[in-house]
N, C-alpha and C. Protein backbone atom coordinates (compact mmCIF):
# COMPACT_ATOMS: atom_id res chain seq x y z
N MET A 1 119.35 160.08 -29.42
CA MET A 1 118.14 159.55 -30.01
C MET A 1 118.48 158.96 -31.38
N TYR A 2 117.88 157.83 -31.65
CA TYR A 2 118.09 157.15 -32.92
C TYR A 2 116.73 156.90 -33.55
N GLU A 3 116.52 157.48 -34.72
CA GLU A 3 115.23 157.36 -35.41
C GLU A 3 115.28 156.21 -36.40
N ILE A 4 114.22 155.42 -36.40
CA ILE A 4 114.08 154.33 -37.36
C ILE A 4 112.93 154.68 -38.29
N ALA A 5 113.22 154.71 -39.58
CA ALA A 5 112.21 155.08 -40.57
C ALA A 5 111.63 153.83 -41.23
N ASP A 6 110.38 153.95 -41.66
CA ASP A 6 109.76 152.85 -42.39
C ASP A 6 110.15 152.96 -43.87
N SER A 7 109.57 152.13 -44.70
CA SER A 7 109.95 152.09 -46.12
C SER A 7 109.63 153.37 -46.88
N THR A 8 108.75 154.23 -46.33
CA THR A 8 108.41 155.49 -47.00
C THR A 8 109.30 156.64 -46.52
N GLY A 9 110.15 156.36 -45.53
CA GLY A 9 111.01 157.40 -44.98
C GLY A 9 110.43 158.11 -43.77
N THR A 10 109.23 157.72 -43.37
CA THR A 10 108.58 158.31 -42.20
C THR A 10 109.15 157.66 -40.94
N VAL A 11 109.49 158.49 -39.94
CA VAL A 11 110.01 157.95 -38.69
C VAL A 11 108.93 157.14 -38.01
N SER A 12 109.22 155.87 -37.76
CA SER A 12 108.23 155.00 -37.14
C SER A 12 108.52 154.72 -35.67
N THR A 13 109.79 154.79 -35.29
CA THR A 13 110.20 154.50 -33.92
C THR A 13 111.41 155.34 -33.57
N VAL A 14 111.49 155.77 -32.31
CA VAL A 14 112.66 156.48 -31.82
C VAL A 14 113.20 155.72 -30.62
N LEU A 15 114.48 155.32 -30.72
CA LEU A 15 115.16 154.63 -29.64
C LEU A 15 116.04 155.64 -28.92
N ASP A 16 116.18 155.52 -27.62
CA ASP A 16 116.97 156.49 -26.87
C ASP A 16 118.45 156.40 -27.21
N LEU A 17 118.95 155.20 -27.36
CA LEU A 17 120.35 154.99 -27.67
C LEU A 17 120.42 153.71 -28.47
N ALA A 18 121.16 153.69 -29.58
CA ALA A 18 121.19 152.49 -30.41
C ALA A 18 122.54 152.31 -31.09
N TRP A 19 122.88 151.05 -31.25
CA TRP A 19 124.04 150.64 -32.04
C TRP A 19 123.47 149.73 -33.13
N PRO A 20 123.07 150.32 -34.27
CA PRO A 20 122.39 149.53 -35.30
C PRO A 20 123.26 148.46 -35.95
N ASN A 21 124.58 148.59 -35.84
CA ASN A 21 125.48 147.59 -36.40
C ASN A 21 126.06 146.68 -35.32
N GLY A 22 125.51 146.72 -34.12
CA GLY A 22 126.01 145.93 -33.00
C GLY A 22 127.05 146.71 -32.21
N LEU A 23 127.37 146.22 -31.02
CA LEU A 23 128.36 146.91 -30.19
C LEU A 23 129.74 146.88 -30.82
N GLN A 24 130.06 145.78 -31.47
CA GLN A 24 131.27 145.70 -32.29
C GLN A 24 130.76 145.57 -33.72
N SER A 25 130.89 146.61 -34.47
CA SER A 25 130.29 146.70 -35.79
C SER A 25 130.43 145.41 -36.59
N GLY A 26 129.27 144.87 -36.97
CA GLY A 26 129.22 143.68 -37.80
C GLY A 26 129.42 142.37 -37.07
N LYS A 27 129.68 142.41 -35.75
CA LYS A 27 129.94 141.17 -35.02
C LYS A 27 128.80 140.76 -34.11
N SER A 28 127.78 141.56 -34.00
CA SER A 28 126.60 141.20 -33.20
C SER A 28 125.38 141.84 -33.81
N GLN A 29 124.24 141.49 -33.28
CA GLN A 29 123.02 142.09 -33.80
C GLN A 29 122.83 143.49 -33.20
N PRO A 30 121.92 144.27 -33.76
CA PRO A 30 121.68 145.63 -33.25
C PRO A 30 121.32 145.62 -31.77
N VAL A 31 121.75 146.68 -31.06
CA VAL A 31 121.52 146.80 -29.62
C VAL A 31 120.93 148.18 -29.33
N ALA A 32 120.01 148.26 -28.37
CA ALA A 32 119.38 149.54 -28.03
C ALA A 32 119.10 149.65 -26.54
N LEU A 33 119.05 150.88 -26.07
CA LEU A 33 118.58 151.21 -24.73
C LEU A 33 117.31 152.02 -24.92
N ILE A 34 116.25 151.60 -24.26
CA ILE A 34 114.96 152.27 -24.38
C ILE A 34 114.55 152.74 -22.99
N ILE A 35 114.38 154.05 -22.82
CA ILE A 35 114.02 154.63 -21.53
C ILE A 35 112.57 155.09 -21.55
N ASP A 36 111.81 154.66 -20.54
CA ASP A 36 110.40 155.05 -20.40
C ASP A 36 109.59 154.77 -21.66
N ALA A 37 109.84 153.64 -22.28
CA ALA A 37 109.15 153.30 -23.53
C ALA A 37 107.85 152.55 -23.25
N ASP A 38 106.95 152.66 -24.19
CA ASP A 38 105.73 151.88 -24.10
C ASP A 38 105.94 150.56 -24.84
N GLN A 39 104.98 149.70 -24.75
CA GLN A 39 105.07 148.38 -25.34
C GLN A 39 105.24 148.45 -26.86
N GLU A 40 104.65 149.43 -27.51
CA GLU A 40 104.74 149.57 -28.96
C GLU A 40 106.19 149.77 -29.41
N ILE A 41 106.94 150.59 -28.69
CA ILE A 41 108.34 150.83 -29.05
C ILE A 41 109.17 149.57 -28.82
N GLU A 42 108.93 148.89 -27.71
CA GLU A 42 109.65 147.64 -27.44
C GLU A 42 109.35 146.60 -28.51
N GLU A 43 108.10 146.50 -28.94
CA GLU A 43 107.73 145.55 -29.98
C GLU A 43 108.40 145.90 -31.31
N ALA A 44 108.48 147.21 -31.62
CA ALA A 44 109.14 147.63 -32.85
C ALA A 44 110.63 147.29 -32.82
N ALA A 45 111.28 147.53 -31.70
CA ALA A 45 112.71 147.20 -31.58
C ALA A 45 112.91 145.69 -31.74
N ASN A 46 112.05 144.92 -31.12
CA ASN A 46 112.14 143.47 -31.23
C ASN A 46 111.92 143.02 -32.67
N ARG A 47 110.92 143.57 -33.32
CA ARG A 47 110.60 143.22 -34.71
C ARG A 47 111.77 143.54 -35.65
N LEU A 48 112.51 144.60 -35.33
CA LEU A 48 113.64 145.01 -36.16
C LEU A 48 114.95 144.30 -35.80
N GLY A 49 114.87 143.36 -34.87
CA GLY A 49 116.02 142.54 -34.55
C GLY A 49 116.96 143.10 -33.51
N TYR A 50 116.53 144.13 -32.77
CA TYR A 50 117.37 144.73 -31.74
C TYR A 50 117.32 143.92 -30.45
N LEU A 51 118.48 143.71 -29.85
CA LEU A 51 118.54 143.31 -28.45
C LEU A 51 118.37 144.60 -27.69
N TYR A 52 117.57 144.63 -26.66
CA TYR A 52 117.37 145.90 -25.96
C TYR A 52 117.16 145.69 -24.48
N ASP A 53 117.44 146.75 -23.76
CA ASP A 53 117.11 146.82 -22.35
C ASP A 53 116.22 148.04 -22.20
N SER A 54 115.16 147.89 -21.43
CA SER A 54 114.27 149.04 -21.25
C SER A 54 114.22 149.38 -19.78
N LYS A 55 114.26 150.66 -19.50
CA LYS A 55 114.21 151.18 -18.14
C LYS A 55 113.01 152.09 -18.01
N ASN A 56 112.29 151.96 -16.91
CA ASN A 56 111.16 152.82 -16.66
C ASN A 56 111.48 153.65 -15.41
N PHE A 57 111.78 154.92 -15.62
CA PHE A 57 112.14 155.80 -14.53
C PHE A 57 110.94 156.61 -14.03
N MET A 58 109.78 156.41 -14.64
CA MET A 58 108.62 157.20 -14.29
C MET A 58 107.75 156.53 -13.22
N GLY A 59 108.14 155.39 -12.74
CA GLY A 59 107.32 154.80 -11.69
C GLY A 59 107.28 153.38 -11.73
């Protein structure tokens, strides 16, 4: 789990798996895997510049 905090230090989003510096540090944008996420989490990841893949295993 990777927690993303807002400017006050409060956790605003939790990503299941993340590479905040890219898969090769400093050579790509942030990457994340989001499992069973709702639209709000996907929007937050997008807003923060993450490339992400989301999987829904609940149905």
